Amino acid sequence: TFSVRQRYEEAAVHCLRLLRPGGRLLCVTNHEKTSEEAFRRMLLSAADSARVDARVQTTKSQLDCPPSSRGPFPSKSLLVTIP
């Protein structure tokens, strides 16, 4: 199974290496135990590992993660841009 904590950063590194200047990567997770700030740090670390200069910003949409009986899903979506 996929683990956000163990594999998301690694996947982001591979994706970021493919981007050219002006490229964008939309990163999304609904992992309840990953805060938006931790997610942001993870993506900045991935950019560092990929050796690319990157900007990370919060998107306005939380996409299609509907609420559940436990409350709203804690979806986080961040846009990584290579200037």
N, C-alpha and C. Protein backbone atom coordinates (compact mmCIF):
# COMPACT_ATOMS: atom_id res chain seq x y z
N THR A 1 0.83 -1.19 0.00
CA THR A 1 0.00 0.00 0.00
C THR A 1 0.87 1.24 0.00
N PHE A 2 0.31 2.33 -0.49
CA PHE A 2 1.02 3.60 -0.57
C PHE A 2 0.96 4.30 0.78
N SER A 3 2.08 4.80 1.24
CA SER A 3 2.16 5.54 2.49
C SER A 3 2.59 6.97 2.19
N VAL A 4 1.74 7.94 2.57
CA VAL A 4 2.07 9.34 2.35
C VAL A 4 3.39 9.68 3.03
N ARG A 5 3.52 9.27 4.26
CA ARG A 5 4.74 9.61 5.02
C ARG A 5 5.99 9.00 4.43
N GLN A 6 5.87 7.82 3.85
CA GLN A 6 7.06 7.13 3.37
C GLN A 6 7.32 7.31 1.88
N ARG A 7 6.29 7.57 1.07
CA ARG A 7 6.50 7.54 -0.38
C ARG A 7 6.13 8.81 -1.15
N TYR A 8 5.31 9.69 -0.59
CA TYR A 8 4.86 10.86 -1.35
C TYR A 8 6.04 11.74 -1.76
N GLU A 9 6.93 11.99 -0.82
CA GLU A 9 8.08 12.84 -1.14
C GLU A 9 8.92 12.23 -2.25
N GLU A 10 9.15 10.94 -2.18
CA GLU A 10 9.92 10.26 -3.22
C GLU A 10 9.25 10.40 -4.59
N ALA A 11 7.94 10.22 -4.64
CA ALA A 11 7.21 10.38 -5.90
C ALA A 11 7.31 11.81 -6.40
N ALA A 12 7.21 12.79 -5.49
CA ALA A 12 7.31 14.19 -5.88
C ALA A 12 8.68 14.52 -6.45
N VAL A 13 9.73 13.95 -5.88
CA VAL A 13 11.09 14.17 -6.40
C VAL A 13 11.15 13.76 -7.87
N HIS A 14 10.65 12.58 -8.17
CA HIS A 14 10.68 12.08 -9.55
C HIS A 14 9.88 12.98 -10.48
N CYS A 15 8.72 13.42 -10.04
CA CYS A 15 7.89 14.31 -10.85
C CYS A 15 8.56 15.66 -11.06
N LEU A 16 9.12 16.22 -10.02
CA LEU A 16 9.75 17.54 -10.12
C LEU A 16 10.96 17.52 -11.05
N ARG A 17 11.65 16.41 -11.12
CA ARG A 17 12.80 16.30 -12.03
C ARG A 17 12.37 16.37 -13.50
N LEU A 18 11.12 16.08 -13.77
CA LEU A 18 10.61 16.10 -15.14
C LEU A 18 10.18 17.50 -15.60
N LEU A 19 9.96 18.39 -14.65
CA LEU A 19 9.45 19.72 -14.99
C LEU A 19 10.54 20.66 -15.48
N ARG A 20 10.16 21.50 -16.40
CA ARG A 20 11.03 22.55 -16.92
C ARG A 20 10.56 23.89 -16.36
N PRO A 21 11.31 24.96 -16.51
CA PRO A 21 10.86 26.26 -16.04
C PRO A 21 9.45 26.58 -16.55
N GLY A 22 8.61 27.03 -15.64
CA GLY A 22 7.21 27.31 -15.94
C GLY A 22 6.30 26.11 -15.68
N GLY A 23 6.92 24.95 -15.40
CA GLY A 23 6.14 23.75 -15.15
C GLY A 23 5.45 23.80 -13.79
N ARG A 24 4.33 23.09 -13.69
CA ARG A 24 3.55 23.06 -12.44
C ARG A 24 3.17 21.63 -12.11
N LEU A 25 3.13 21.35 -10.81
CA LEU A 25 2.74 20.05 -10.32
C LEU A 25 1.68 20.24 -9.24
N LEU A 26 0.49 19.71 -9.47
CA LEU A 26 -0.57 19.78 -8.48
C LEU A 26 -0.43 18.58 -7.55
N CYS A 27 -0.25 18.85 -6.27
CA CYS A 27 -0.05 17.80 -5.27
C CYS A 27 -1.24 17.79 -4.32
N VAL A 28 -1.84 16.63 -4.14
CA VAL A 28 -3.05 16.52 -3.33
C VAL A 28 -2.93 15.33 -2.40
N THR A 29 -3.42 15.51 -1.18
CA THR A 29 -3.55 14.39 -0.25
C THR A 29 -4.76 14.61 0.64
N ASN A 30 -5.38 13.52 1.04
CA ASN A 30 -6.44 13.61 2.05
C ASN A 30 -6.04 12.80 3.29
N HIS A 31 -4.72 12.61 3.44
CA HIS A 31 -4.20 11.89 4.60
C HIS A 31 -4.47 12.72 5.85
N GLU A 32 -5.25 12.18 6.76
CA GLU A 32 -5.70 12.92 7.94
C GLU A 32 -4.57 13.35 8.86
N LYS A 33 -3.50 12.58 8.92
CA LYS A 33 -2.43 12.88 9.86
C LYS A 33 -1.32 13.76 9.27
N THR A 34 -1.52 14.23 8.05
CA THR A 34 -0.56 15.13 7.43
C THR A 34 -1.17 16.52 7.37
N SER A 35 -0.60 17.45 8.12
CA SER A 35 -1.10 18.83 8.12
C SER A 35 -0.68 19.51 6.81
N GLU A 36 -1.33 20.62 6.50
CA GLU A 36 -0.94 21.36 5.30
C GLU A 36 0.50 21.84 5.41
N GLU A 37 0.90 22.28 6.60
CA GLU A 37 2.28 22.75 6.77
C GLU A 37 3.28 21.61 6.60
N ALA A 38 2.98 20.44 7.14
CA ALA A 38 3.86 19.28 6.96
C ALA A 38 3.92 18.88 5.48
N PHE A 39 2.80 18.95 4.80
CA PHE A 39 2.74 18.64 3.37
C PHE A 39 3.61 19.63 2.59
N ARG A 40 3.52 20.91 2.93
CA ARG A 40 4.33 21.95 2.30
C ARG A 40 5.82 21.67 2.51
N ARG A 41 6.19 21.36 3.75
CA ARG A 41 7.60 21.05 4.05
C ARG A 41 8.08 19.83 3.25
N MET A 42 7.22 18.83 3.12
CA MET A 42 7.55 17.63 2.38
C MET A 42 7.85 17.98 0.91
N LEU A 43 7.03 18.85 0.33
CA LEU A 43 7.22 19.21 -1.07
C LEU A 43 8.45 20.08 -1.26
N LEU A 44 8.73 20.96 -0.32
CA LEU A 44 9.95 21.77 -0.40
C LEU A 44 11.19 20.89 -0.26
N SER A 45 11.10 19.88 0.59
CA SER A 45 12.20 18.93 0.72
C SER A 45 12.39 18.14 -0.57
N ALA A 46 11.28 17.76 -1.20
CA ALA A 46 11.35 17.05 -2.48
C ALA A 46 12.02 17.93 -3.54
N ALA A 47 11.67 19.21 -3.56
CA ALA A 47 12.29 20.13 -4.52
C ALA A 47 13.79 20.23 -4.27
N ASP A 48 14.17 20.28 -3.01
CA ASP A 48 15.59 20.32 -2.67
C ASP A 48 16.29 19.05 -3.15
N SER A 49 15.68 17.90 -2.90
CA SER A 49 16.27 16.63 -3.34
C SER A 49 16.34 16.54 -4.86
N ALA A 50 15.35 17.12 -5.55
CA ALA A 50 15.32 17.11 -7.02
C ALA A 50 16.24 18.17 -7.60
N ARG A 51 16.78 19.03 -6.72
CA ARG A 51 17.67 20.13 -7.11
C ARG A 51 17.00 21.10 -8.08
N VAL A 52 15.77 21.48 -7.70
CA VAL A 52 15.04 22.49 -8.47
C VAL A 52 14.58 23.59 -7.53
N ASP A 53 14.53 24.80 -8.07
CA ASP A 53 13.98 25.92 -7.33
C ASP A 53 12.46 25.82 -7.50
N ALA A 54 11.72 25.83 -6.43
CA ALA A 54 10.28 25.64 -6.52
C ALA A 54 9.55 26.60 -5.59
N ARG A 55 8.35 26.97 -6.01
CA ARG A 55 7.45 27.76 -5.20
C ARG A 55 6.25 26.87 -4.89
N VAL A 56 5.82 26.87 -3.64
CA VAL A 56 4.67 26.06 -3.24
C VAL A 56 3.57 26.98 -2.75
N GLN A 57 2.39 26.85 -3.32
CA GLN A 57 1.28 27.69 -2.89
C GLN A 57 0.02 26.85 -2.70
N THR A 58 -0.81 27.31 -1.78
CA THR A 58 -2.08 26.65 -1.51
C THR A 58 -3.05 26.96 -2.65
N THR A 59 -3.80 25.97 -3.08
CA THR A 59 -4.80 26.21 -4.11
C THR A 59 -6.12 26.60 -3.44
N LYS A 60 -6.98 27.23 -4.18
CA LYS A 60 -8.26 27.67 -3.64
C LYS A 60 -9.26 26.54 -3.51
N SER A 61 -9.12 25.52 -4.32
CA SER A 61 -10.08 24.42 -4.32
C SER A 61 -9.58 23.25 -3.48
N GLN A 62 -10.48 22.60 -2.79
CA GLN A 62 -10.13 21.39 -2.07
C GLN A 62 -10.56 20.15 -2.84
N LEU A 63 -10.82 20.32 -4.09
CA LEU A 63 -11.14 19.25 -5.04
C LEU A 63 -12.37 18.47 -4.62
N ASP A 64 -12.34 17.17 -4.81
CA ASP A 64 -13.56 16.40 -4.69
C ASP A 64 -13.61 15.45 -3.50
N CYS A 65 -13.06 15.83 -2.39
CA CYS A 65 -13.11 14.98 -1.20
C CYS A 65 -14.34 15.36 -0.38
N PRO A 66 -15.40 14.58 -0.47
CA PRO A 66 -16.65 14.94 0.21
C PRO A 66 -16.57 14.72 1.72
N PRO A 67 -17.45 15.38 2.47
CA PRO A 67 -17.49 15.14 3.91
C PRO A 67 -17.94 13.72 4.21
N SER A 68 -17.61 13.25 5.39
CA SER A 68 -18.02 11.91 5.81
C SER A 68 -18.68 12.03 7.17
N SER A 69 -19.04 10.91 7.75
CA SER A 69 -19.65 10.91 9.08
C SER A 69 -18.68 11.42 10.15
N ARG A 70 -17.37 11.39 9.86
CA ARG A 70 -16.36 11.89 10.79
C ARG A 70 -16.10 13.38 10.60
N GLY A 71 -16.78 14.00 9.66
CA GLY A 71 -16.56 15.41 9.38
C GLY A 71 -15.96 15.58 8.00
N PRO A 72 -15.59 16.80 7.65
CA PRO A 72 -15.02 17.03 6.32
C PRO A 72 -13.68 16.33 6.18
N PHE A 73 -13.42 15.78 5.02
CA PHE A 73 -12.12 15.17 4.77
C PHE A 73 -11.08 16.28 4.77
N PRO A 74 -9.95 16.01 5.35
CA PRO A 74 -8.91 17.03 5.46
C PRO A 74 -8.04 17.10 4.20
N SER A 75 -8.67 17.29 3.06
CA SER A 75 -7.89 17.32 1.82
C SER A 75 -7.02 18.57 1.78
N LYS A 76 -5.84 18.40 1.26
CA LYS A 76 -4.90 19.48 1.08
C LYS A 76 -4.44 19.44 -0.38
N SER A 77 -4.44 20.58 -1.05
CA SER A 77 -3.92 20.63 -2.41
C SER A 77 -2.97 21.81 -2.50
N LEU A 78 -1.78 21.51 -2.96
CA LEU A 78 -0.73 22.52 -3.10
C LEU A 78 -0.21 22.49 -4.53
N LEU A 79 0.07 23.65 -5.06
CA LEU A 79 0.59 23.76 -6.41
C LEU A 79 2.07 24.11 -6.32
N VAL A 80 2.90 23.27 -6.92
CA VAL A 80 4.34 23.51 -6.95
C VAL A 80 4.69 24.03 -8.35
N THR A 81 5.34 25.18 -8.40
CA THR A 81 5.70 25.80 -9.67
C THR A 81 7.22 25.95 -9.75
N ILE A 82 7.74 25.65 -10.92
CA ILE A 82 9.16 25.86 -11.18
C ILE A 82 9.28 27.19 -11.93
N PRO A 83 9.86 28.21 -11.30
CA PRO A 83 9.93 29.53 -11.95
C PRO A 83 10.80 29.52 -13.21
